[in-house]
Structure formats: structure tokens, C-alpha cells
Amino acid sequence: MIHIGIDPGFTGAIVSYDTTHDEWRVMDMPIEQFTTTTRLPSGRLKIRTDFDVYRFAHIIQGYIDELDLVSATIERAQPMSKNGAAQGVSSTGRYMEAYGMVLGVLSALAVPYNTIPARTWKQQMAVPADKAEALALASDLIPGIRPMLTHVKDHGRAEAGLLCLLNMQNHSEKGM
């Protein structure tokens, strides 16, 4: 069986564990960047980042082709705030759109999945709020992905790894 954990943000990741081959895989969320026609105050053209749904579908299809039994746990998307300030409408919209595409691809490929709010799964897994401490926890719990968790910017990988562990725990509790 292949267990998958997905942190669906633009800085998120996909972490999988193949129980048949005892193999961990870590991939950053597939994104594409392109230049828009909007000019910044500096005169440069604005660069936009979008979720690459086609690459995501290809990744998930690869798991299915390799081993038919696949299951995923995804952090449920919700509007975020930073330091008490609400996330912008455009950013929230793009994040929710990417989250919807993740769920759509999994549904279209008949991959069973569950979603869980960040607060809930982080309490269950005792994940600290500090990103560096969360990275350290993921490194301790999942030595197989430790080499991919070397910088604070790798927090999406750490969270996806912990979601993958949660997926594994949920399946073992159900006797799957």
C-alpha cells in the first residue's frame, strides 16, 4: 500500500510511503511560475505562481500504476492569517482553488482520502507551532525523509510527512 500525506499550499509537499518496498518519497507541490502583464512599481513584470494540476495528476497516477492500493490524508484548506492579519482575497482564492484541484484529482482517480483541519491533526501528532521544532519532530519520527528536511523552508515537507504518518496510523487502527 502507498500512504500519501499532502500539504496543499504553494509551499506544501507530497510525501508518500510505500509499505511494500519500505520506501519514502518527498516532492514539493508541483507549481508553475509565469510572467503576467502586470507591472510592479519597479517596472518589472509580476511573476505569478499557480498549482500545476497536470503534474500533480501525473504524480498520483504514477502511484496507482505502481501499486493499486493508495490512500491519502490532506490538510483541509482554510483561510489563514499571519500575525492577526487576514490573508488577502486573491491569495485565499488561489489557495482554495489549488486545494479543490487536489481533491478533484484524487476523486477522479478514485484514490480514497480524508481531510483534516490543521489544528486537529497538529494536536493529535503533538506538532509544535514553531516551524524549526516541527521540522525536528518530523526528522525524529520519519528518519527516511530527514535528508529532505534541512531548512526551515522545508516545513511543508515536514507537515506532509507527518500527515502521511497520520494516514498510516489511521489505516492500522482500521486493520487495513
N, C-alpha and C. Protein backbone atom coordinates (compact mmCIF):
# COMPACT_ATOMS: atom_id res chain seq x y z
N MET A 1 0.83 -1.18 0.00
CA MET A 1 0.00 0.00 0.00
C MET A 1 0.88 1.25 0.00
N ILE A 2 0.41 2.28 -0.67
CA ILE A 2 1.11 3.56 -0.66
C ILE A 2 0.25 4.54 0.13
N HIS A 3 0.84 5.08 1.18
CA HIS A 3 0.20 6.11 2.00
C HIS A 3 0.75 7.46 1.55
N ILE A 4 -0.14 8.43 1.46
CA ILE A 4 0.27 9.76 1.00
C ILE A 4 -0.20 10.81 1.99
N GLY A 5 0.66 11.77 2.28
CA GLY A 5 0.32 12.95 3.07
C GLY A 5 0.51 14.16 2.17
N ILE A 6 -0.48 15.07 2.19
CA ILE A 6 -0.41 16.23 1.30
C ILE A 6 -0.64 17.51 2.09
N ASP A 7 0.33 18.42 2.02
CA ASP A 7 0.17 19.79 2.49
C ASP A 7 -0.09 20.59 1.22
N PRO A 8 -1.35 21.03 1.00
CA PRO A 8 -1.74 21.54 -0.32
C PRO A 8 -1.32 22.97 -0.67
N GLY A 9 -0.61 23.65 0.18
CA GLY A 9 -0.23 25.03 -0.14
C GLY A 9 0.84 25.11 -1.22
N PHE A 10 1.07 26.32 -1.72
CA PHE A 10 2.09 26.52 -2.76
C PHE A 10 3.49 26.17 -2.25
N THR A 11 3.70 26.24 -0.93
CA THR A 11 4.98 25.83 -0.35
C THR A 11 4.84 24.46 0.31
N GLY A 12 3.74 23.77 0.00
CA GLY A 12 3.47 22.46 0.56
C GLY A 12 4.24 21.36 -0.15
N ALA A 13 3.84 20.13 0.15
CA ALA A 13 4.55 18.98 -0.41
C ALA A 13 3.66 17.75 -0.43
N ILE A 14 4.17 16.73 -1.09
CA ILE A 14 3.55 15.42 -1.14
C ILE A 14 4.59 14.44 -0.59
N VAL A 15 4.24 13.71 0.44
CA VAL A 15 5.14 12.70 0.98
C VAL A 15 4.40 11.37 0.93
N SER A 16 5.08 10.35 0.43
CA SER A 16 4.46 9.03 0.34
C SER A 16 5.36 7.98 0.97
N TYR A 17 4.69 6.94 1.45
CA TYR A 17 5.41 5.78 1.98
C TYR A 17 4.82 4.53 1.36
N ASP A 18 5.67 3.75 0.72
CA ASP A 18 5.28 2.50 0.07
C ASP A 18 5.61 1.38 1.04
N THR A 19 4.57 0.78 1.63
CA THR A 19 4.79 -0.27 2.63
C THR A 19 5.37 -1.55 2.01
N THR A 20 5.10 -1.77 0.73
CA THR A 20 5.61 -2.97 0.06
C THR A 20 7.13 -2.91 -0.11
N HIS A 21 7.64 -1.75 -0.47
CA HIS A 21 9.07 -1.59 -0.73
C HIS A 21 9.82 -0.83 0.37
N ASP A 22 9.09 -0.46 1.45
CA ASP A 22 9.68 0.30 2.55
C ASP A 22 10.44 1.52 2.03
N GLU A 23 9.70 2.33 1.24
CA GLU A 23 10.33 3.46 0.55
C GLU A 23 9.54 4.76 0.79
N TRP A 24 10.26 5.80 1.21
CA TRP A 24 9.70 7.14 1.38
C TRP A 24 10.02 7.97 0.15
N ARG A 25 9.09 8.83 -0.25
CA ARG A 25 9.33 9.79 -1.34
C ARG A 25 8.82 11.15 -0.89
N VAL A 26 9.57 12.17 -1.26
CA VAL A 26 9.21 13.55 -0.91
C VAL A 26 9.25 14.39 -2.17
N MET A 27 8.17 15.11 -2.43
CA MET A 27 8.11 16.03 -3.57
C MET A 27 7.45 17.32 -3.13
N ASP A 28 8.01 18.43 -3.56
CA ASP A 28 7.34 19.70 -3.32
C ASP A 28 6.08 19.75 -4.17
N MET A 29 5.08 20.51 -3.71
CA MET A 29 3.87 20.63 -4.51
C MET A 29 4.25 21.14 -5.89
N PRO A 30 3.70 20.53 -6.93
CA PRO A 30 4.04 20.99 -8.28
C PRO A 30 3.41 22.35 -8.56
N ILE A 31 4.24 23.29 -8.86
CA ILE A 31 3.77 24.64 -9.19
C ILE A 31 4.41 25.09 -10.49
N GLU A 32 3.81 26.07 -11.10
CA GLU A 32 4.40 26.67 -12.29
C GLU A 32 4.40 28.18 -12.10
N GLN A 33 5.42 28.80 -12.59
CA GLN A 33 5.52 30.25 -12.49
C GLN A 33 5.51 30.83 -13.89
N PHE A 34 4.81 31.94 -14.03
CA PHE A 34 4.79 32.61 -15.34
C PHE A 34 4.70 34.11 -15.13
N THR A 35 5.14 34.82 -16.13
CA THR A 35 5.15 36.28 -16.09
C THR A 35 3.78 36.80 -16.53
N THR A 36 3.25 37.74 -15.76
CA THR A 36 1.96 38.33 -16.11
C THR A 36 2.20 39.62 -16.90
N THR A 37 1.14 40.28 -17.27
CA THR A 37 1.26 41.56 -17.97
C THR A 37 1.21 42.73 -16.99
N THR A 38 1.07 42.44 -15.70
CA THR A 38 1.01 43.47 -14.67
C THR A 38 2.41 43.95 -14.34
N ARG A 39 2.56 45.27 -14.33
CA ARG A 39 3.87 45.86 -13.99
C ARG A 39 3.92 46.22 -12.51
N LEU A 40 5.04 45.89 -11.89
CA LEU A 40 5.29 46.27 -10.50
C LEU A 40 5.77 47.72 -10.47
N PRO A 41 5.77 48.39 -9.30
CA PRO A 41 6.27 49.77 -9.22
C PRO A 41 7.70 49.92 -9.74
N SER A 42 8.48 48.84 -9.66
CA SER A 42 9.85 48.90 -10.15
C SER A 42 9.92 48.87 -11.68
N GLY A 43 8.76 48.56 -12.31
CA GLY A 43 8.73 48.48 -13.76
C GLY A 43 8.83 47.05 -14.28
N ARG A 44 9.26 46.14 -13.41
CA ARG A 44 9.35 44.74 -13.82
C ARG A 44 7.96 44.13 -13.91
N LEU A 45 7.84 43.08 -14.71
CA LEU A 45 6.57 42.36 -14.80
C LEU A 45 6.41 41.44 -13.60
N LYS A 46 5.19 41.33 -13.12
CA LYS A 46 4.88 40.50 -11.97
C LYS A 46 4.96 39.02 -12.37
N ILE A 47 5.49 38.19 -11.46
CA ILE A 47 5.56 36.76 -11.68
C ILE A 47 4.48 36.11 -10.81
N ARG A 48 3.70 35.23 -11.41
CA ARG A 48 2.60 34.58 -10.70
C ARG A 48 2.92 33.09 -10.55
N THR A 49 2.53 32.54 -9.41
CA THR A 49 2.71 31.12 -9.14
C THR A 49 1.34 30.46 -9.11
N ASP A 50 1.19 29.35 -9.81
CA ASP A 50 -0.05 28.59 -9.82
C ASP A 50 0.25 27.11 -9.57
N PHE A 51 -0.76 26.41 -9.09
CA PHE A 51 -0.69 24.98 -8.87
C PHE A 51 -0.69 24.28 -10.23
N ASP A 52 0.21 23.33 -10.42
CA ASP A 52 0.31 22.59 -11.68
C ASP A 52 -0.49 21.30 -11.53
N VAL A 53 -1.78 21.37 -11.83
CA VAL A 53 -2.70 20.25 -11.64
C VAL A 53 -2.32 19.06 -12.51
N TYR A 54 -1.78 19.30 -13.69
CA TYR A 54 -1.41 18.21 -14.59
C TYR A 54 -0.24 17.40 -14.01
N ARG A 55 0.77 18.08 -13.50
CA ARG A 55 1.89 17.36 -12.88
C ARG A 55 1.44 16.61 -11.64
N PHE A 56 0.54 17.22 -10.85
CA PHE A 56 0.02 16.56 -9.66
C PHE A 56 -0.71 15.27 -10.05
N ALA A 57 -1.57 15.36 -11.06
CA ALA A 57 -2.32 14.18 -11.52
C ALA A 57 -1.35 13.09 -12.00
N HIS A 58 -0.29 13.50 -12.69
CA HIS A 58 0.71 12.55 -13.18
C HIS A 58 1.40 11.84 -12.00
N ILE A 59 1.72 12.59 -10.96
CA ILE A 59 2.37 12.01 -9.77
C ILE A 59 1.45 10.97 -9.13
N ILE A 60 0.21 11.35 -8.91
CA ILE A 60 -0.74 10.43 -8.26
C ILE A 60 -1.00 9.21 -9.16
N GLN A 61 -1.15 9.43 -10.45
CA GLN A 61 -1.36 8.30 -11.37
C GLN A 61 -0.18 7.35 -11.32
N GLY A 62 1.02 7.89 -11.16
CA GLY A 62 2.22 7.05 -11.04
C GLY A 62 2.14 6.12 -9.84
N TYR A 63 1.63 6.62 -8.71
CA TYR A 63 1.46 5.76 -7.54
C TYR A 63 0.46 4.64 -7.84
N ILE A 64 -0.63 4.99 -8.50
CA ILE A 64 -1.67 4.00 -8.82
C ILE A 64 -1.11 2.94 -9.77
N ASP A 65 -0.36 3.37 -10.77
CA ASP A 65 0.22 2.43 -11.73
C ASP A 65 1.20 1.47 -11.05
N GLU A 66 1.92 2.02 -10.05
CA GLU A 66 2.94 1.23 -9.37
C GLU A 66 2.32 0.21 -8.42
N LEU A 67 1.34 0.63 -7.66
CA LEU A 67 0.70 -0.23 -6.66
C LEU A 67 -0.72 0.26 -6.49
N ASP A 68 -1.67 -0.53 -6.83
CA ASP A 68 -3.07 -0.12 -6.91
C ASP A 68 -3.64 0.41 -5.59
N LEU A 69 -3.13 -0.03 -4.45
CA LEU A 69 -3.67 0.40 -3.16
C LEU A 69 -3.03 1.70 -2.71
N VAL A 70 -3.78 2.78 -2.81
CA VAL A 70 -3.27 4.10 -2.47
C VAL A 70 -4.30 4.78 -1.57
N SER A 71 -3.83 5.52 -0.57
CA SER A 71 -4.71 6.27 0.33
C SER A 71 -4.00 7.56 0.71
N ALA A 72 -4.78 8.64 0.88
CA ALA A 72 -4.17 9.95 1.16
C ALA A 72 -4.85 10.66 2.33
N THR A 73 -4.09 11.46 3.03
CA THR A 73 -4.59 12.38 4.04
C THR A 73 -4.12 13.77 3.64
N ILE A 74 -5.06 14.72 3.60
CA ILE A 74 -4.78 16.08 3.15
C ILE A 74 -5.15 17.06 4.24
N GLU A 75 -4.29 18.05 4.46
CA GLU A 75 -4.65 19.13 5.38
C GLU A 75 -5.78 19.93 4.76
N ARG A 76 -6.88 20.08 5.49
CA ARG A 76 -8.04 20.80 4.99
C ARG A 76 -7.70 22.28 4.83
N ALA A 77 -8.02 22.81 3.68
CA ALA A 77 -7.73 24.22 3.40
C ALA A 77 -8.70 25.12 4.15
N GLN A 78 -8.17 26.22 4.64
CA GLN A 78 -8.99 27.25 5.28
C GLN A 78 -8.23 28.56 5.19
N PRO A 79 -8.95 29.66 5.15
CA PRO A 79 -8.26 30.95 5.09
C PRO A 79 -7.32 31.10 6.28
N MET A 80 -6.15 31.66 6.02
CA MET A 80 -5.15 31.81 7.06
C MET A 80 -4.95 33.27 7.43
N SER A 81 -4.28 33.47 8.55
CA SER A 81 -3.88 34.81 8.93
C SER A 81 -2.42 34.75 9.36
N LYS A 82 -1.76 35.86 9.18
CA LYS A 82 -0.37 35.96 9.62
C LYS A 82 -0.30 37.13 10.59
N ASN A 83 0.10 36.83 11.80
CA ASN A 83 0.21 37.85 12.84
C ASN A 83 -1.10 38.61 13.02
N GLY A 84 -2.21 37.89 12.92
CA GLY A 84 -3.51 38.52 13.15
C GLY A 84 -4.11 39.20 11.94
N ALA A 85 -3.35 39.35 10.87
CA ALA A 85 -3.86 39.99 9.65
C ALA A 85 -4.42 38.93 8.72
N ALA A 86 -5.60 39.16 8.18
CA ALA A 86 -6.24 38.19 7.30
C ALA A 86 -5.46 38.04 6.00
N GLN A 87 -5.49 36.84 5.46
CA GLN A 87 -4.86 36.58 4.17
C GLN A 87 -5.66 37.32 3.10
N GLY A 88 -5.00 37.80 2.07
CA GLY A 88 -5.67 38.53 1.01
C GLY A 88 -6.68 37.68 0.26
N VAL A 89 -7.68 38.33 -0.32
CA VAL A 89 -8.74 37.63 -1.03
C VAL A 89 -8.17 36.84 -2.20
N SER A 90 -7.27 37.45 -2.97
CA SER A 90 -6.69 36.77 -4.12
C SER A 90 -5.89 35.54 -3.69
N SER A 91 -5.06 35.70 -2.66
CA SER A 91 -4.26 34.57 -2.16
C SER A 91 -5.15 33.46 -1.64
N THR A 92 -6.18 33.83 -0.89
CA THR A 92 -7.11 32.83 -0.37
C THR A 92 -7.79 32.09 -1.50
N GLY A 93 -8.23 32.83 -2.51
CA GLY A 93 -8.90 32.22 -3.65
C GLY A 93 -8.02 31.24 -4.39
N ARG A 94 -6.76 31.62 -4.62
CA ARG A 94 -5.84 30.74 -5.34
C ARG A 94 -5.51 29.49 -4.51
N TYR A 95 -5.37 29.66 -3.19
CA TYR A 95 -5.10 28.53 -2.30
C TYR A 95 -6.28 27.56 -2.29
N MET A 96 -7.48 28.09 -2.15
CA MET A 96 -8.68 27.24 -2.14
C MET A 96 -8.88 26.56 -3.50
N GLU A 97 -8.55 27.25 -4.57
CA GLU A 97 -8.64 26.66 -5.91
C GLU A 97 -7.69 25.46 -6.03
N ALA A 98 -6.45 25.63 -5.57
CA ALA A 98 -5.47 24.54 -5.61
C ALA A 98 -5.94 23.36 -4.76
N TYR A 99 -6.47 23.65 -3.59
CA TYR A 99 -6.99 22.61 -2.70
C TYR A 99 -8.11 21.84 -3.40
N GLY A 100 -9.01 22.55 -4.05
CA GLY A 100 -10.10 21.91 -4.78
C GLY A 100 -9.58 21.03 -5.91
N MET A 101 -8.53 21.48 -6.58
CA MET A 101 -7.96 20.67 -7.66
C MET A 101 -7.32 19.40 -7.11
N VAL A 102 -6.67 19.49 -5.94
CA VAL A 102 -6.09 18.30 -5.31
C VAL A 102 -7.20 17.28 -5.04
N LEU A 103 -8.29 17.74 -4.43
CA LEU A 103 -9.41 16.83 -4.13
C LEU A 103 -10.04 16.30 -5.41
N GLY A 104 -10.14 17.13 -6.43
CA GLY A 104 -10.71 16.71 -7.71
C GLY A 104 -9.88 15.62 -8.37
N VAL A 105 -8.57 15.78 -8.37
CA VAL A 105 -7.69 14.77 -8.98
C VAL A 105 -7.80 13.46 -8.21
N LEU A 106 -7.75 13.53 -6.89
CA LEU A 106 -7.85 12.31 -6.09
C LEU A 106 -9.19 11.61 -6.33
N SER A 107 -10.26 12.39 -6.41
CA SER A 107 -11.59 11.81 -6.66
C SER A 107 -11.66 11.20 -8.06
N ALA A 108 -11.16 11.92 -9.05
CA ALA A 108 -11.21 11.43 -10.43
C ALA A 108 -10.41 10.14 -10.61
N LEU A 109 -9.34 10.00 -9.84
CA LEU A 109 -8.51 8.81 -9.93
C LEU A 109 -8.93 7.74 -8.93
N ALA A 110 -10.05 7.98 -8.24
CA ALA A 110 -10.62 7.04 -7.27
C ALA A 110 -9.66 6.69 -6.14
N VAL A 111 -8.89 7.69 -5.68
CA VAL A 111 -7.99 7.49 -4.54
C VAL A 111 -8.76 7.85 -3.27
N PRO A 112 -8.92 6.90 -2.35
CA PRO A 112 -9.60 7.25 -1.10
C PRO A 112 -8.76 8.25 -0.31
N TYR A 113 -9.43 9.24 0.24
CA TYR A 113 -8.71 10.26 1.00
C TYR A 113 -9.57 10.75 2.14
N ASN A 114 -8.90 11.37 3.11
CA ASN A 114 -9.61 12.09 4.15
C ASN A 114 -8.92 13.43 4.34
N THR A 115 -9.71 14.41 4.74
CA THR A 115 -9.16 15.73 5.01
C THR A 115 -9.26 15.97 6.52
N ILE A 116 -8.33 16.76 7.02
CA ILE A 116 -8.31 17.03 8.45
C ILE A 116 -7.80 18.45 8.67
N PRO A 117 -8.49 19.23 9.52
CA PRO A 117 -8.03 20.59 9.79
C PRO A 117 -6.64 20.60 10.43
N ALA A 118 -5.88 21.62 10.12
CA ALA A 118 -4.51 21.72 10.64
C ALA A 118 -4.48 21.64 12.17
N ARG A 119 -5.34 22.38 12.81
CA ARG A 119 -5.35 22.40 14.28
C ARG A 119 -5.57 20.99 14.84
N THR A 120 -6.47 20.24 14.24
CA THR A 120 -6.81 18.90 14.73
C THR A 120 -5.64 17.93 14.59
N TRP A 121 -5.07 17.85 13.37
CA TRP A 121 -4.00 16.86 13.20
C TRP A 121 -2.74 17.27 13.94
N LYS A 122 -2.49 18.57 14.06
CA LYS A 122 -1.29 19.00 14.77
C LYS A 122 -1.41 18.71 16.27
N GLN A 123 -2.63 18.80 16.81
CA GLN A 123 -2.83 18.41 18.21
C GLN A 123 -2.64 16.90 18.37
N GLN A 124 -3.20 16.13 17.45
CA GLN A 124 -3.08 14.67 17.52
C GLN A 124 -1.63 14.21 17.45
N MET A 125 -0.84 14.89 16.63
CA MET A 125 0.55 14.50 16.43
C MET A 125 1.51 15.28 17.34
N ALA A 126 0.97 16.15 18.19
CA ALA A 126 1.78 16.99 19.10
C ALA A 126 2.84 17.79 18.34
N VAL A 127 2.40 18.43 17.26
CA VAL A 127 3.31 19.23 16.43
C VAL A 127 3.44 20.62 17.03
N PRO A 128 4.66 21.05 17.33
CA PRO A 128 4.86 22.40 17.88
C PRO A 128 4.55 23.48 16.84
N ALA A 129 4.17 24.66 17.32
CA ALA A 129 3.84 25.77 16.41
C ALA A 129 5.09 26.29 15.69
N ASP A 130 6.23 26.24 16.35
CA ASP A 130 7.48 26.72 15.77
C ASP A 130 7.89 25.80 14.61
N LYS A 131 8.14 26.39 13.44
CA LYS A 131 8.45 25.60 12.24
C LYS A 131 9.74 24.78 12.41
N ALA A 132 10.75 25.34 13.03
CA ALA A 132 12.01 24.61 13.23
C ALA A 132 11.79 23.40 14.14
N GLU A 133 10.97 23.57 15.18
CA GLU A 133 10.67 22.46 16.08
C GLU A 133 9.83 21.40 15.37
N ALA A 134 8.92 21.83 14.51
CA ALA A 134 8.10 20.89 13.74
C ALA A 134 8.99 20.08 12.79
N LEU A 135 9.98 20.75 12.18
CA LEU A 135 10.94 20.04 11.32
C LEU A 135 11.70 18.99 12.12
N ALA A 136 12.12 19.36 13.32
CA ALA A 136 12.87 18.43 14.17
C ALA A 136 12.00 17.23 14.55
N LEU A 137 10.72 17.47 14.85
CA LEU A 137 9.81 16.37 15.17
C LEU A 137 9.67 15.42 13.99
N ALA A 138 9.44 15.97 12.80
CA ALA A 138 9.30 15.13 11.61
C ALA A 138 10.59 14.35 11.34
N SER A 139 11.74 14.98 11.53
CA SER A 139 13.02 14.29 11.34
C SER A 139 13.17 13.13 12.31
N ASP A 140 12.74 13.34 13.55
CA ASP A 140 12.83 12.28 14.56
C ASP A 140 11.87 11.13 14.26
N LEU A 141 10.63 11.47 13.87
CA LEU A 141 9.62 10.45 13.65
C LEU A 141 9.77 9.72 12.31
N ILE A 142 10.38 10.41 11.32
CA ILE A 142 10.49 9.84 9.98
C ILE A 142 11.94 9.96 9.49
N PRO A 143 12.83 9.13 9.99
CA PRO A 143 14.23 9.22 9.56
C PRO A 143 14.42 9.09 8.05
N GLY A 144 13.49 8.42 7.38
CA GLY A 144 13.60 8.21 5.94
C GLY A 144 13.50 9.48 5.12
N ILE A 145 12.96 10.56 5.70
CA ILE A 145 12.89 11.82 4.94
C ILE A 145 13.79 12.91 5.54
N ARG A 146 14.52 12.56 6.58
CA ARG A 146 15.39 13.54 7.26
C ARG A 146 16.29 14.33 6.30
N PRO A 147 16.92 13.69 5.29
CA PRO A 147 17.78 14.47 4.38
C PRO A 147 17.04 15.56 3.60
N MET A 148 15.72 15.44 3.50
CA MET A 148 14.92 16.44 2.76
C MET A 148 14.38 17.54 3.67
N LEU A 149 14.76 17.52 4.95
CA LEU A 149 14.24 18.50 5.92
C LEU A 149 15.38 19.30 6.55
N THR A 150 16.17 19.92 5.72
CA THR A 150 17.36 20.60 6.24
C THR A 150 17.19 22.10 6.47
N HIS A 151 16.14 22.70 5.94
CA HIS A 151 15.94 24.15 6.08
C HIS A 151 14.53 24.43 6.60
N VAL A 152 14.37 25.58 7.25
CA VAL A 152 13.05 25.96 7.76
C VAL A 152 12.03 26.03 6.61
N LYS A 153 12.49 26.38 5.42
CA LYS A 153 11.57 26.46 4.26
C LYS A 153 11.01 25.08 3.88
N ASP A 154 11.56 24.02 4.46
CA ASP A 154 11.09 22.66 4.19
C ASP A 154 9.93 22.26 5.10
N HIS A 155 9.32 23.22 5.78
CA HIS A 155 8.23 22.90 6.72
C HIS A 155 7.05 22.22 6.03
N GLY A 156 6.79 22.54 4.76
CA GLY A 156 5.72 21.87 4.02
C GLY A 156 6.00 20.39 3.84
N ARG A 157 7.26 20.06 3.62
CA ARG A 157 7.66 18.65 3.51
C ARG A 157 7.46 17.94 4.85
N ALA A 158 7.85 18.62 5.93
CA ALA A 158 7.69 18.04 7.27
C ALA A 158 6.22 17.78 7.57
N GLU A 159 5.37 18.76 7.26
CA GLU A 159 3.94 18.61 7.54
C GLU A 159 3.33 17.51 6.67
N ALA A 160 3.71 17.43 5.41
CA ALA A 160 3.21 16.36 4.55
C ALA A 160 3.67 15.00 5.08
N GLY A 161 4.90 14.93 5.56
CA GLY A 161 5.39 13.68 6.14
C GLY A 161 4.60 13.27 7.37
N LEU A 162 4.30 14.23 8.22
CA LEU A 162 3.51 13.92 9.41
C LEU A 162 2.08 13.52 9.04
N LEU A 163 1.52 14.14 8.00
CA LEU A 163 0.20 13.75 7.51
C LEU A 163 0.24 12.32 6.95
N CYS A 164 1.33 11.96 6.30
CA CYS A 164 1.49 10.60 5.80
C CYS A 164 1.52 9.61 6.97
N LEU A 165 2.25 9.96 8.02
CA LEU A 165 2.27 9.10 9.22
C LEU A 165 0.87 8.95 9.80
N LEU A 166 0.13 10.05 9.85
CA LEU A 166 -1.23 10.01 10.36
C LEU A 166 -2.10 9.09 9.50
N ASN A 167 -1.91 9.14 8.19
CA ASN A 167 -2.63 8.26 7.28
C ASN A 167 -2.32 6.80 7.60
N MET A 168 -1.06 6.51 7.84
CA MET A 168 -0.64 5.15 8.18
C MET A 168 -1.28 4.70 9.49
N GLN A 169 -1.28 5.59 10.49
CA GLN A 169 -1.86 5.26 11.78
C GLN A 169 -3.36 4.99 11.65
N ASN A 170 -4.04 5.82 10.88
CA ASN A 170 -5.49 5.64 10.70
C ASN A 170 -5.80 4.31 10.03
N HIS A 171 -4.96 3.89 9.08
CA HIS A 171 -5.19 2.62 8.41
C HIS A 171 -4.87 1.43 9.30
N SER A 172 -3.85 1.57 10.13
CA SER A 172 -3.52 0.45 11.04
C SER A 172 -4.60 0.28 12.10
N GLU A 173 -5.22 1.40 12.54
CA GLU A 173 -6.30 1.32 13.51
C GLU A 173 -7.53 0.65 12.92
N LYS A 174 -7.73 0.83 11.61
CA LYS A 174 -8.89 0.23 10.93
C LYS A 174 -8.59 -1.21 10.50
N GLY A 175 -7.35 -1.65 10.72
CA GLY A 175 -6.96 -3.01 10.33
C GLY A 175 -6.77 -3.19 8.84
N MET A 176 -6.40 -2.10 8.14
CA MET A 176 -6.21 -2.17 6.69
C MET A 176 -4.76 -2.47 6.35
